Amino acid sequence: HEWKVVKLPVCHLVVEYLDSVREHPLVCASSINPELYNKENALSEARSLRLKLVLGKEHIACQRKFSEIVPVLDHNNLYLSQDTEMYSLADLEAGCEGGLVELLTSAVEQ
């Protein structure tokens, strides 16, 4: 299995649907292929960073609002700090380009 995003021709209805769900966490990577984390370093690193966010969120929950401490994650992608498995199509595309790991690294370092 290769980690690449290839645009293929689809009908306009499919384009509209994919655009409408692009930012929603609908993809459970481990359900699709549990070996993805072993084969794709970017996804494995993203999972590790998300685990740090989940644990950090639990640790500081009683002190301040997590969203104030980690402003990099807004209400649209706060789910990235809630578990390590769910991804949006936009996350997976960003993962291929390195943007997901960059975002998560920035959030962890805050």
Protein backbone atom coordinates (compact mmCIF):
# COMPACT_ATOMS: atom_id res chain seq x y z
CA HIS A 1 0.00 0.00 0.00
CA GLU A 2 1.33 3.42 -0.94
CA TRP A 3 0.57 6.69 0.75
CA LYS A 4 -0.30 8.98 -2.10
CA VAL A 5 -3.17 11.16 -3.08
CA VAL A 6 -4.13 10.90 -6.72
CA LYS A 7 -6.93 12.95 -8.20
CA LEU A 8 -9.16 10.86 -10.41
CA PRO A 9 -12.10 11.96 -12.53
CA VAL A 10 -15.46 11.64 -10.78
CA CYS A 11 -18.93 13.03 -11.38
CA HIS A 12 -19.91 16.45 -10.04
CA LEU A 13 -22.15 14.92 -7.36
CA VAL A 14 -19.18 13.04 -5.89
CA VAL A 15 -17.06 16.21 -5.97
CA GLU A 16 -19.78 18.10 -4.11
CA TYR A 17 -20.09 15.35 -1.51
CA LEU A 18 -16.34 15.07 -0.94
CA ASP A 19 -16.08 18.86 -0.64
CA SER A 20 -18.87 18.86 1.93
CA VAL A 21 -17.18 16.26 4.16
CA ARG A 22 -13.55 17.19 3.48
CA GLU A 23 -12.96 18.77 6.92
CA HIS A 24 -14.95 16.23 8.96
CA PRO A 25 -13.17 13.40 10.80
CA LEU A 26 -14.76 10.45 9.03
CA VAL A 27 -11.81 8.16 8.32
CA CYS A 28 -10.60 5.72 10.97
CA ALA A 29 -7.15 4.84 9.66
CA SER A 30 -6.69 1.74 11.81
CA SER A 31 -10.03 0.33 10.62
CA ILE A 32 -9.15 0.80 6.97
CA ASN A 33 -5.71 -0.73 7.24
CA PRO A 34 -4.03 -1.35 10.63
CA GLU A 35 -0.67 -1.64 8.87
CA LEU A 36 -0.79 1.99 7.66
CA TYR A 37 0.91 3.17 10.84
CA ASN A 38 3.74 0.69 10.28
CA LYS A 39 4.19 1.57 6.62
CA GLU A 40 3.77 5.33 6.61
CA ASN A 41 6.11 7.36 8.81
CA ALA A 42 4.04 10.54 8.52
CA LEU A 43 0.91 8.80 9.76
CA SER A 44 2.81 7.07 12.55
CA GLU A 45 4.35 10.38 13.63
CA ALA A 46 0.95 12.09 13.48
CA ARG A 47 -0.52 9.35 15.70
CA SER A 48 2.31 9.76 18.22
CA LEU A 49 1.84 13.54 18.31
CA ARG A 50 -1.92 13.15 18.69
CA LEU A 51 -1.37 10.80 21.63
CA LYS A 52 0.73 13.50 23.28
CA LEU A 53 -2.09 15.98 22.69
CA VAL A 54 -4.70 13.60 24.15
CA LEU A 55 -2.61 12.96 27.25
CA GLY A 56 -1.70 16.63 27.59
CA LYS A 57 -5.32 17.65 27.28
CA GLU A 58 -6.31 15.28 30.07
CA HIS A 59 -3.47 16.56 32.25
CA ILE A 60 -4.30 20.26 31.92
CA ALA A 61 -8.08 20.00 31.68
CA CYS A 62 -8.54 21.14 35.26
CA GLN A 63 -6.22 24.14 34.89
CA ARG A 64 -7.42 26.05 31.83
CA LYS A 65 -9.32 25.56 28.63
CA PHE A 66 -7.25 23.39 26.31
CA SER A 67 -8.17 25.59 23.36
CA GLU A 68 -6.51 28.56 25.12
CA ILE A 69 -3.32 26.61 25.70
CA VAL A 70 -3.18 25.11 22.20
CA PRO A 71 -4.54 27.88 19.95
CA VAL A 72 -3.12 26.15 16.86
CA LEU A 73 -6.10 23.79 16.95
CA ASP A 74 -9.36 25.61 16.34
CA HIS A 75 -12.92 24.36 16.69
CA ASN A 76 -12.71 22.80 13.22
CA ASN A 77 -9.83 20.46 14.07
CA LEU A 78 -9.94 20.16 17.85
CA TYR A 79 -10.84 16.47 17.30
CA LEU A 80 -7.15 15.92 16.56
CA SER A 81 -6.56 16.22 20.32
CA GLN A 82 -9.41 13.89 21.30
CA ASP A 83 -8.21 10.56 19.89
CA THR A 84 -5.50 9.16 17.64
CA GLU A 85 -7.51 7.38 14.97
CA MET A 86 -10.01 9.66 13.21
CA TYR A 87 -8.90 11.77 10.24
CA SER A 88 -10.61 14.01 7.75
CA LEU A 89 -9.83 13.83 4.05
CA ALA A 90 -8.07 17.18 4.47
CA ASP A 91 -5.88 15.66 7.23
CA LEU A 92 -4.89 12.77 5.02
CA GLU A 93 -4.05 15.11 2.15
CA ALA A 94 -2.01 17.28 4.52
CA GLY A 95 -0.31 14.13 5.81
CA CYS A 96 0.99 13.39 2.34
CA GLU A 97 2.39 16.89 2.05
CA GLY A 98 3.85 17.09 5.58
CA GLY A 99 1.41 19.71 6.81
CA LEU A 100 -0.35 17.46 9.32
CA VAL A 101 2.82 16.57 11.21
CA GLU A 102 3.83 20.25 11.13
CA LEU A 103 0.47 21.32 12.61
CA LEU A 104 0.55 18.64 15.29
CA THR A 105 4.18 19.36 16.19
CA SER A 106 3.30 23.02 16.61
CA ALA A 107 0.34 22.11 18.84
CA VAL A 108 2.43 19.76 21.01
CA GLU A 109 5.19 22.34 21.46
CA GLN A 110 2.78 25.03 22.71
